[in-house]
Amino acid sequence: MNVWLFAGCMFLVAVFLNMLLLFGHRIIKKRRNKKWKHETEIVD
């Protein structure tokens, strides 16, 4: 596998995960439910 192709894929995955984490934190902030927060902590 090409090194640059692999690096590009890893970079895209990292960006996607960062966006997902930011989006998840915004949802948690919007929902002040303790049960929801507790469930997300277990998943993490």
Foldseek 3Di string as FASTA:
>chain_A
DDPVVVVVVVVVVVVVVVVVVVVVVVVCVVDVDPVVVVVVVVVD
